[in-house]
Amino acid sequence: MSASKLIRPSIEYKDDYLKALEEYHAEGRYLHQNITLLNADFETFIKELKSEKGYPHQPYQDWVEPVPETIVWLVKDGTYIGTVDIRHRLNWHLEKWGGHVHFNIRPSMRGKGYGGKILKKSIPIINYLGIDKALITLNPEDKAAIHIVESCGAMFEDETPATDKFPAMRRYWLDCT
């Protein structure tokens, strides 16, 4: 068995990524990603992911200013484990509700230590992009994610209150130097 590693999205992981997407859909997440369409043209999907514009087909409101975003996947032994999205800068919305870094682990791989691995392994990439301190925002109810970011050394700053349009979020800063 090899060690897990971060890679740029790759067509090589098509089947396993689509299986992971089925797991996310079962949770009611990432429903904007159509499995049938991705299966038919996964190569274009991969090209779009590598364009540093974020996930294609991700629903954004008209008022959200897009920011450049690098996407990497955590893989091990031919298996897609999770994704980390690294936003190169913050806009006003990301300062409160999104942050520089968003990571997720596919449901069947949770509870195995991959959350900490994906975050720790992404620090050199975050730093390479010129980000010394990365903002990470989390749902206050997501105890597993809170444990992961705190165990990786991220420092709690505050919690934004819920609004009529946005949920409350815990804000952490991760030193990436």
Foldseek 3Di string as FASTA:
>chain_A
DDDKAKDQDDPLLLVQVLVLVVQCVVVVPPPQDDSVVCVVPVVVQSVVQQVQQDGPSDDDDPPDDTFGKHKIFIDDPSHTFKIKIAGLDDDPCCVFANKRIDIDTRPVNPPVPVLLVVVVNCLVVNVVSVDQKTKGKAQPVCVVNVVSCVVQPWAWDAWAPADPVGHIITITIHGSD
